[in-house]
């Protein structure tokens, strides 16, 4: 089983930046993709960005050009640099890992609030 621990959330003004981090431990060998999802109150959880072990990335349209996902394979960690944040980005952000043998694992979530 893979354990995921997120950090880096908080309160930021519109136009500001935050960097989220997610570190994996446990049976983390063979993780093929790591991703960030978010869930706002009353909404479904949605994919924000994902990155494969080979470095391929994808983003939801609303964050393209503002968010950047990156990965450190040696540390088995994934990061989400969020720039030009908007109130609509307010949500709980979750880290997800998909492994060949470990299946899907989720972190506990970190709150991001964008407000003046």
Protein backbone atom coordinates (compact mmCIF):
# COMPACT_ATOMS: atom_id res chain seq x y z
CA UNK A 1 0.00 0.00 0.00
CA UNK A 2 1.13 3.53 -0.81
CA UNK A 3 0.87 6.38 1.67
CA UNK A 4 0.63 9.92 0.32
CA UNK A 5 1.18 13.07 2.36
CA UNK A 6 0.30 16.47 0.90
CA UNK A 7 1.50 19.86 2.07
CA UNK A 8 1.60 23.45 0.92
CA UNK A 9 -2.03 24.54 0.99
CA UNK A 10 -3.23 27.75 2.58
CA UNK A 11 -4.90 31.09 2.09
CA UNK A 12 -3.75 33.31 -0.76
CA UNK A 13 -5.06 36.43 -2.44
CA UNK A 14 -6.25 36.36 -6.04
CA UNK A 15 -3.26 36.54 -8.37
CA UNK A 16 -1.01 34.90 -5.82
CA UNK A 17 0.90 31.63 -5.95
CA UNK A 18 1.16 28.41 -3.97
CA UNK A 19 3.20 25.25 -4.37
CA UNK A 20 1.72 21.93 -3.31
CA UNK A 21 3.86 18.92 -2.52
CA UNK A 22 2.99 15.25 -2.22
CA UNK A 23 5.40 12.60 -0.96
CA UNK A 24 4.82 8.88 -1.39
CA UNK A 25 6.00 6.14 0.91
CA UNK A 26 5.30 2.47 1.51
CA UNK A 27 4.92 0.18 -1.50
CA UNK A 28 5.73 3.02 -3.87
CA UNK A 29 7.77 0.96 -6.36
CA UNK A 30 6.08 0.83 -9.74
CA UNK A 31 4.07 4.06 -9.53
CA UNK A 32 3.30 4.91 -13.14
CA UNK A 33 1.32 8.11 -12.70
CA UNK A 34 0.81 10.78 -10.04
CA UNK A 35 -1.87 13.41 -10.19
CA UNK A 36 -3.60 16.27 -8.41
CA UNK A 37 -7.35 16.42 -8.08
CA UNK A 38 -9.52 19.00 -6.37
CA UNK A 39 -12.97 19.13 -4.88
CA UNK A 40 -14.87 22.30 -4.13
CA UNK A 41 -17.90 22.32 -1.78
CA UNK A 42 -20.92 20.85 -3.53
CA UNK A 43 -18.88 19.73 -6.53
CA UNK A 44 -17.44 16.48 -7.76
CA UNK A 45 -13.76 15.74 -7.46
CA UNK A 46 -12.01 16.71 -10.70
CA UNK A 47 -8.62 16.11 -12.25
CA UNK A 48 -6.35 19.17 -12.16
CA UNK A 49 -3.11 17.77 -13.57
CA UNK A 50 -1.31 14.47 -13.98
CA UNK A 51 2.21 13.32 -14.80
CA UNK A 52 3.49 9.89 -15.80
CA UNK A 53 6.76 8.30 -14.73
CA UNK A 54 8.06 9.22 -18.17
CA UNK A 55 7.21 12.88 -17.70
CA UNK A 56 4.12 13.22 -19.88
CA UNK A 57 1.66 15.73 -18.47
CA UNK A 58 -1.95 16.69 -18.91
CA UNK A 59 -4.03 19.49 -17.42
CA UNK A 60 -7.64 20.45 -17.13
CA UNK A 61 -8.38 23.42 -19.40
CA UNK A 62 -9.09 25.89 -16.61
CA UNK A 63 -5.54 25.69 -15.22
CA UNK A 64 -3.51 25.53 -18.43
CA UNK A 65 -0.89 28.26 -18.49
CA UNK A 66 -1.22 28.87 -14.74
CA UNK A 67 -0.40 25.54 -13.06
CA UNK A 68 2.62 23.33 -13.58
CA UNK A 69 2.94 19.75 -12.39
CA UNK A 70 6.35 18.21 -11.85
CA UNK A 71 7.73 15.04 -10.38
CA UNK A 72 10.87 13.84 -8.61
CA UNK A 73 11.12 10.12 -9.30
CA UNK A 74 14.02 9.67 -6.89
CA UNK A 75 11.99 11.16 -4.03
CA UNK A 76 8.73 9.67 -5.32
CA UNK A 77 7.14 13.08 -5.00
CA UNK A 78 4.91 15.25 -7.11
CA UNK A 79 4.50 19.01 -7.02
CA UNK A 80 1.93 21.48 -8.26
CA UNK A 81 3.05 25.05 -8.82
CA UNK A 82 -0.04 27.24 -8.94
CA UNK A 83 0.29 30.79 -10.24
CA UNK A 84 -2.24 33.54 -10.86
CA UNK A 85 -4.68 31.86 -8.52
CA UNK A 86 -8.37 32.68 -8.82
CA UNK A 87 -11.25 32.35 -6.36
CA UNK A 88 -12.59 29.46 -8.48
CA UNK A 89 -9.42 27.52 -7.60
CA UNK A 90 -10.60 27.31 -4.00
CA UNK A 91 -10.94 23.63 -3.11
CA UNK A 92 -9.43 20.73 -1.24
CA UNK A 93 -6.57 19.40 -3.34
CA UNK A 94 -5.82 15.69 -3.29
CA UNK A 95 -2.79 13.78 -4.47
CA UNK A 96 -3.35 10.48 -6.26
CA UNK A 97 -0.88 7.77 -7.19
CA UNK A 98 -1.48 4.90 -9.59
CA UNK A 99 0.82 1.92 -9.31
CA UNK A 100 1.25 -1.29 -11.28
CA UNK A 101 0.80 -3.48 -8.23
CA UNK A 102 -0.39 -1.00 -5.61
CA UNK A 103 -3.40 0.25 -7.54
CA UNK A 104 -4.84 3.67 -6.71
CA UNK A 105 -3.93 5.59 -3.55
CA UNK A 106 -5.14 8.98 -2.29
CA UNK A 107 -3.75 11.51 0.12
CA UNK A 108 -5.76 13.15 2.87
CA UNK A 109 -6.11 16.46 1.03
CA UNK A 110 -4.90 20.00 1.61
CA UNK A 111 -7.10 23.09 1.59
CA UNK A 112 -6.43 25.90 -0.87
CA UNK A 113 -8.42 29.09 -0.37
CA UNK A 114 -8.15 32.02 -2.77
CA UNK A 115 -9.75 35.12 -1.31
CA UNK A 116 -9.09 38.79 -0.73
